[in-house]
C-alpha atoms as a PDB file:
ATOM      1  CA  MET A   1      63.699  -2.926  17.788  1.00  0.00           C
ATOM      2  CA  MET A   2      64.402  -3.822  14.174  1.00  0.00           C
ATOM      3  CA  ARG A   3      66.216  -6.969  15.241  1.00  0.00           C
ATOM      4  CA  ARG A   4      63.305  -8.128  17.363  1.00  0.00           C
ATOM      5  CA  MET A   5      60.935  -7.809  14.397  1.00  0.00           C
ATOM      6  CA  MET A   6      63.262  -9.585  11.964  1.00  0.00           C
ATOM      7  CA  ILE A   7      63.554 -12.751  14.074  1.00  0.00           C
ATOM      8  CA  PRO A   8      59.795 -13.515  14.170  1.00  0.00           C
ATOM      9  CA  ILE A   9      59.468 -12.713  10.454  1.00  0.00           C
ATOM     10  CA  PHE A  10      62.373 -15.038   9.638  1.00  0.00           C
ATOM     11  CA  VAL A  11      60.888 -17.830  11.799  1.00  0.00           C
ATOM     12  CA  LEU A  12      57.461 -17.408  10.147  1.00  0.00           C
ATOM     13  CA  ALA A  13      59.057 -17.496   6.708  1.00  0.00           C
ATOM     14  CA  MET A  14      60.894 -20.731   7.532  1.00  0.00           C
ATOM     15  CA  VAL A  15      57.737 -22.385   8.864  1.00  0.00           C
ATOM     16  CA  HIS A  16      55.795 -21.588   5.683  1.00  0.00           C
ATOM     17  CA  CYS A  17      58.566 -22.603   3.262  1.00  0.00           C
ATOM     18  CA  LYS A  18      58.153 -25.954   1.596  1.00  0.00           C
ATOM     19  CA  ASP A  19      60.845 -28.052   0.051  1.00  0.00           C
ATOM     20  CA  LYS A  20      60.836 -27.909  -3.721  1.00  0.00           C
ATOM     21  CA  GLU A  21      59.580 -31.037  -5.385  1.00  0.00           C
ATOM     22  CA  TYR A  22      62.122 -32.530  -7.736  1.00  0.00           C
ATOM     23  CA  LEU A  23      61.358 -35.205 -10.279  1.00  0.00           C
ATOM     24  CA  ARG A  24      63.770 -38.040  -9.774  1.00  0.00           C
ATOM     25  CA  ILE A  25      63.902 -41.201 -11.806  1.00  0.00           C
ATOM     26  CA  GLU A  26      63.583 -43.918  -9.169  1.00  0.00           C
ATOM     27  CA  VAL A  27      63.826 -46.984 -11.399  1.00  0.00           C
ATOM     28  CA  GLU A  28      66.083 -46.307 -14.373  1.00  0.00           C
ATOM     29  CA  LYS A  29      65.294 -48.073 -17.631  1.00  0.00           C
ATOM     30  CA  GLU A  30      68.932 -47.843 -18.726  1.00  0.00           C
ATOM     31  CA  SER A  31      71.848 -48.676 -16.467  1.00  0.00           C
ATOM     32  CA  GLY A  32      75.248 -47.051 -16.635  1.00  0.00           C
ATOM     33  CA  SER A  33      74.155 -43.600 -17.747  1.00  0.00           C
ATOM     34  CA  MET A  34      76.044 -40.598 -16.428  1.00  0.00           C
ATOM     35  CA  ILE A  35      72.948 -38.345 -16.466  1.00  0.00           C
ATOM     36  CA  SER A  36      69.250 -39.212 -16.355  1.00  0.00           C
ATOM     37  CA  MET A  37      66.396 -36.710 -16.705  1.00  0.00           C
ATOM     38  CA  ARG A  38      62.632 -36.531 -16.933  1.00  0.00           C
ATOM     39  CA  ASN A  39      60.759 -34.233 -19.298  1.00  0.00           C
ATOM     40  CA  PHE A  40      63.828 -33.830 -21.487  1.00  0.00           C
ATOM     41  CA  SER A  41      63.790 -31.135 -24.189  1.00  0.00           C
ATOM     42  CA  ARG A  42      66.437 -29.885 -26.591  1.00  0.00           C
ATOM     43  CA  SER A  43      66.227 -27.438 -29.496  1.00  0.00           C
ATOM     44  CA  SER A  44      68.579 -26.461 -32.299  1.00  0.00           C
ATOM     45  CA  TYR A  45      68.670 -23.103 -34.040  1.00  0.00           C
ATOM     46  CA  LYS A  46      70.274 -22.040 -37.300  1.00  0.00           C
ATOM     47  CA  GLU A  47      72.808 -19.199 -37.322  1.00  0.00           C
ATOM     48  CA  SER A  48      69.981 -16.891 -38.430  1.00  0.00           C
ATOM     49  CA  GLY A  49      68.136 -17.654 -35.171  1.00  0.00           C
ATOM     50  CA  GLU A  50      65.464 -19.738 -36.902  1.00  0.00           C
ATOM     51  CA  LEU A  51      64.320 -22.906 -35.085  1.00  0.00           C
ATOM     52  CA  GLU A  52      65.740 -25.958 -36.893  1.00  0.00           C
ATOM     53  CA  TRP A  53      64.502 -28.879 -34.769  1.00  0.00           C
ATOM     54  CA  LYS A  54      63.113 -29.759 -31.357  1.00  0.00           C
ATOM     55  CA  LEU A  55      63.521 -33.029 -29.444  1.00  0.00           C
ATOM     56  CA  LYS A  56      61.394 -33.977 -26.431  1.00  0.00           C
ATOM     57  CA  GLY A  57      61.301 -37.065 -24.273  1.00  0.00           C
ATOM     58  CA  ALA A  58      59.627 -38.379 -21.153  1.00  0.00           C
ATOM     59  CA  GLU A  59      62.976 -39.753 -19.926  1.00  0.00           C
ATOM     60  CA  SER A  60      66.519 -39.285 -21.187  1.00  0.00           C
ATOM     61  CA  TYR A  61      69.750 -41.126 -20.399  1.00  0.00           C
ATOM     62  CA  ILE A  62      73.088 -39.670 -21.461  1.00  0.00           C
ATOM     63  CA  PHE A  63      76.190 -41.845 -21.894  1.00  0.00           C
ATOM     64  CA  PRO A  64      79.180 -39.511 -22.504  1.00  0.00           C
ATOM     65  CA  LYS A  65      81.753 -42.324 -22.795  1.00  0.00           C
ATOM     66  CA  GLU A  66      79.732 -44.105 -25.498  1.00  0.00           C
ATOM     67  CA  ASN A  67      78.749 -40.740 -27.052  1.00  0.00           C
ATOM     68  CA  LYS A  68      75.064 -41.657 -27.115  1.00  0.00           C
ATOM     69  CA  THR A  69      71.737 -40.534 -25.701  1.00  0.00           C
ATOM     70  CA  ILE A  70      68.692 -42.740 -25.131  1.00  0.00           C
ATOM     71  CA  VAL A  71      65.278 -41.082 -25.022  1.00  0.00           C
ATOM     72  CA  TYR A  72      61.999 -42.738 -23.967  1.00  0.00           C
ATOM     73  CA  GLY A  73      58.818 -41.118 -25.271  1.00  0.00           C
ATOM     74  CA  PHE A  74      60.816 -39.796 -28.244  1.00  0.00           C
ATOM     75  CA  GLU A  75      59.277 -36.803 -30.092  1.00  0.00           C
ATOM     76  CA  PHE A  76      61.331 -35.095 -32.806  1.00  0.00           C
ATOM     77  CA  LYS A  77      60.083 -32.208 -34.975  1.00  0.00           C
ATOM     78  CA  GLN A  78      61.928 -30.483 -37.817  1.00  0.00           C
ATOM     79  CA  PHE A  79      61.085 -26.903 -38.738  1.00  0.00           C
ATOM     80  CA  GLU A  80      61.431 -24.684 -41.756  1.00  0.00           C
ATOM     81  CA  LYS A  81      60.444 -21.007 -41.666  1.00  0.00           C
ATOM     82  CA  GLY A  82      58.671 -21.575 -38.340  1.00  0.00           C
ATOM     83  CA  ASN A  83      56.535 -24.452 -39.635  1.00  0.00           C
ATOM     84  CA  VAL A  84      56.822 -28.149 -38.795  1.00  0.00           C
ATOM     85  CA  THR A  85      58.087 -30.062 -41.862  1.00  0.00           C
ATOM     86  CA  SER A  86      58.156 -33.500 -40.217  1.00  0.00           C
ATOM     87  CA  ALA A  87      57.403 -35.137 -36.888  1.00  0.00           C
ATOM     88  CA  MET A  88      58.868 -38.449 -35.760  1.00  0.00           C
ATOM     89  CA  THR A  89      57.788 -40.359 -32.632  1.00  0.00           C
ATOM     90  CA  GLY A  90      58.680 -43.659 -31.002  1.00  0.00           C
ATOM     91  CA  ASP A  91      58.669 -45.394 -27.644  1.00  0.00           C
ATOM     92  CA  ARG A  92      62.498 -45.423 -27.468  1.00  0.00           C
ATOM     93  CA  GLY A  93      65.121 -43.565 -29.459  1.00  0.00           C
ATOM     94  CA  GLU A  94      68.868 -44.103 -29.356  1.00  0.00           C
ATOM     95  CA  ILE A  95      70.992 -41.273 -30.724  1.00  0.00           C
ATOM     96  CA  ASN A  96      74.565 -42.223 -31.594  1.00  0.00           C
ATOM     97  CA  HIS A  97      76.444 -38.918 -31.797  1.00  0.00           C
ATOM     98  CA  SER A  98      79.551 -40.551 -33.342  1.00  0.00           C
ATOM     99  CA  THR A  99      77.785 -42.192 -36.298  1.00  0.00           C
ATOM    100  CA  LYS A 100      75.062 -39.509 -36.426  1.00  0.00           C
ATOM    101  CA  THR A 101      72.241 -42.032 -36.467  1.00  0.00           C
ATOM    102  CA  VAL A 102      68.944 -42.242 -34.601  1.00  0.00           C
ATOM    103  CA  VAL A 103      67.437 -45.695 -34.064  1.00  0.00           C
ATOM    104  CA  LEU A 104      63.773 -45.638 -33.033  1.00  0.00           C
ATOM    105  CA  ASN A 105      61.912 -48.628 -31.628  1.00  0.00           C
ATOM    106  CA  GLY A 106      58.303 -49.236 -30.615  1.00  0.00           C
ATOM    107  CA  LYS A 107      55.275 -47.689 -32.334  1.00  0.00           C
ATOM    108  CA  VAL A 108      57.409 -45.547 -34.641  1.00  0.00           C
ATOM    109  CA  LYS A 109      55.571 -42.931 -36.696  1.00  0.00           C
ATOM    110  CA  LEU A 110      56.901 -40.333 -39.106  1.00  0.00           C
ATOM    111  CA  LYS A 111      54.604 -37.698 -40.585  1.00  0.00           C
ATOM    112  CA  THR A 112      55.523 -34.997 -43.099  1.00  0.00           C
ATOM    113  CA  ASN A 113      53.759 -31.681 -43.566  1.00  0.00           C
ATOM    114  CA  ASP A 114      52.473 -32.781 -47.011  1.00  0.00           C
ATOM    115  CA  GLY A 115      50.464 -35.693 -45.566  1.00  0.00           C
ATOM    116  CA  LYS A 116      52.849 -38.635 -46.028  1.00  0.00           C
ATOM    117  CA  TYR A 117      53.567 -40.987 -43.175  1.00  0.00           C
ATOM    118  CA  ILE A 118      55.331 -44.177 -42.120  1.00  0.00           C
ATOM    119  CA  GLU A 119      54.481 -46.601 -39.341  1.00  0.00           C
ATOM    120  CA  SER A 120      56.850 -49.356 -38.185  1.00  0.00           C
ATOM    121  CA  GLU A 121      58.239 -51.030 -35.082  1.00  0.00           C
ATOM    122  CA  SER A 122      61.725 -49.704 -35.863  1.00  0.00           C
ATOM    123  CA  LEU A 123      63.267 -46.997 -38.026  1.00  0.00           C
ATOM    124  CA  THR A 124      66.842 -45.762 -38.473  1.00  0.00           C
ATOM    125  CA  TYR A 125      67.476 -42.146 -39.467  1.00  0.00           C
ATOM    126  CA  ASN A 126      70.945 -41.194 -40.763  1.00  0.00           C
ATOM    127  CA  LEU A 127      71.432 -37.506 -39.951  1.00  0.00           C
ATOM    128  CA  ASP A 128      74.304 -36.964 -42.433  1.00  0.00           C
ATOM    129  CA  GLU A 129      72.694 -38.681 -45.414  1.00  0.00           C
ATOM    130  CA  LYS A 130      69.146 -37.682 -44.386  1.00  0.00           C
ATOM    131  CA  THR A 131      67.909 -41.202 -45.126  1.00  0.00           C
ATOM    132  CA  LEU A 132      65.503 -43.580 -43.400  1.00  0.00           C
ATOM    133  CA  SER A 133      65.683 -47.362 -43.250  1.00  0.00           C
ATOM    134  CA  SER A 134      63.960 -50.273 -41.551  1.00  0.00           C
ATOM    135  CA  GLU A 135      64.163 -54.058 -41.687  1.00  0.00           C
ATOM    136  CA  ASP A 136      60.755 -54.531 -40.006  1.00  0.00           C
ATOM    137  CA  ASP A 137      57.196 -54.449 -41.308  1.00  0.00           C
ATOM    138  CA  VAL A 138      56.278 -50.970 -42.541  1.00  0.00           C
ATOM    139  CA  LEU A 139      53.211 -49.085 -43.657  1.00  0.00           C
ATOM    140  CA  VAL A 140      53.769 -46.134 -45.981  1.00  0.00           C
ATOM    141  CA  TYR A 141      50.978 -43.725 -46.909  1.00  0.00           C
ATOM    142  CA  SER A 142      51.621 -41.275 -49.720  1.00  0.00           C
ATOM    143  CA  ASP A 143      49.259 -39.340 -51.987  1.00  0.00           C
ATOM    144  CA  GLY A 144      46.248 -41.601 -51.350  1.00  0.00           C
ATOM    145  CA  THR A 145      48.161 -44.875 -51.726  1.00  0.00           C
ATOM    146  CA  THR A 146      49.007 -47.188 -48.839  1.00  0.00           C
ATOM    147  CA  ILE A 147      51.819 -49.727 -49.186  1.00  0.00           C
ATOM    148  CA  ARG A 148      52.521 -52.455 -46.642  1.00  0.00           C
ATOM    149  CA  GLY A 149      55.691 -54.489 -46.688  1.00  0.00           C
ATOM    150  CA  LYS A 150      58.897 -55.475 -44.988  1.00  0.00           C
ATOM    151  CA  GLY A 151      61.997 -53.298 -45.170  1.00  0.00           C
ATOM    152  CA  LEU A 152      62.295 -49.660 -46.221  1.00  0.00           C
ATOM    153  CA  ARG A 153      64.810 -47.276 -47.772  1.00  0.00           C
ATOM    154  CA  ALA A 154      63.705 -43.641 -48.116  1.00  0.00           C
ATOM    155  CA  ASP A 155      64.738 -39.998 -48.070  1.00  0.00           C
ATOM    156  CA  LYS A 156      63.581 -37.993 -45.025  1.00  0.00           C
ATOM    157  CA  SER A 157      60.804 -36.193 -46.936  1.00  0.00           C
ATOM    158  CA  LEU A 158      59.443 -39.530 -48.270  1.00  0.00           C
ATOM    159  CA  ASN A 159      59.587 -38.222 -51.852  1.00  0.00           C
ATOM    160  CA  LYS A 160      61.658 -41.268 -52.845  1.00  0.00           C
ATOM    161  CA  PHE A 161      61.212 -44.594 -51.077  1.00  0.00           C
ATOM    162  CA  THR A 162      61.611 -48.309 -51.701  1.00  0.00           C
ATOM    163  CA  ILE A 163      59.735 -51.063 -49.902  1.00  0.00           C
ATOM    164  CA  ILE A 164      62.111 -54.058 -49.947  1.00  0.00           C
ATOM    165  CA  GLN A 165      59.382 -56.744 -49.826  1.00  0.00           C
ATOM    166  CA  PRO A 166      55.998 -55.219 -50.718  1.00  0.00           C
ATOM    167  CA  LYS A 167      53.030 -57.213 -49.412  1.00  0.00           C
ATOM    168  CA  ALA A 168      49.950 -55.119 -50.171  1.00  0.00           C
ATOM    169  CA  VAL A 169      49.126 -51.936 -52.061  1.00  0.00           C
ATOM    170  CA  THR A 170      45.904 -49.989 -51.687  1.00  0.00           C
ATOM    171  CA  VAL A 171      45.605 -47.359 -54.423  1.00  0.00           C
ATOM    172  CA  GLY A 172      43.649 -44.160 -54.006  1.00  0.00           C
ATOM    173  CA  GLY A 173      44.810 -40.921 -55.591  1.00  0.00           C
ATOM    174  CA  SER A 174      47.785 -40.678 -57.912  1.00  0.00           C
ATOM    175  CA  ASN A 175      50.835 -42.917 -58.086  1.00  0.00           C
ATOM    176  CA  PRO A 176      53.290 -41.958 -55.279  1.00  0.00           C
ATOM    177  CA  LEU A 177      56.168 -43.569 -57.172  1.00  0.00           C
ATOM    178  CA  LYS A 178      55.924 -41.372 -60.249  1.00  0.00           C
ATOM    179  CA  ASP A 179      58.530 -38.695 -60.857  1.00  0.00           C
ATOM    180  CA  LYS A 180      57.508 -35.298 -59.561  1.00  0.00           C
ATOM    181  CA  PRO A 181      58.086 -32.324 -61.878  1.00  0.00           C
END
């Protein structure tokens, strides 16, 4: 009796089951990757359990032999005491795990929690030295002043920066280049 009831229930269950929908990258933007993913996300936590940073991407390609990761739709946020201290975005980011550098390309933006920001077509972030650099045109906004130029060297918090070839300065607020107490 029990067996007779189980068979129709099993058949009904199979008829109503649907295949799971998996997101698969049909046309890969990067060839030769070992792993490719959509809606990529990775977080790092300090030993205390506090969130340190979070990386998201629309697509991710991992190259273990070259020790690099390429992320399209790159979104990187750094945290301190649960609050975002900086957010960096770009169309494409290439993380070189050997040299500990991140090279962003395409509509790159970096914003800090104290209202400073950078816009450029490319930006390199050195994870060890915590420095930023670019050889392209840049726009830097800090403390009411906007500076446009070509080439940049800066610390990650944008407290100290150098525009290699300044082109235009729009002043509003105090001088962003003065020494802070």
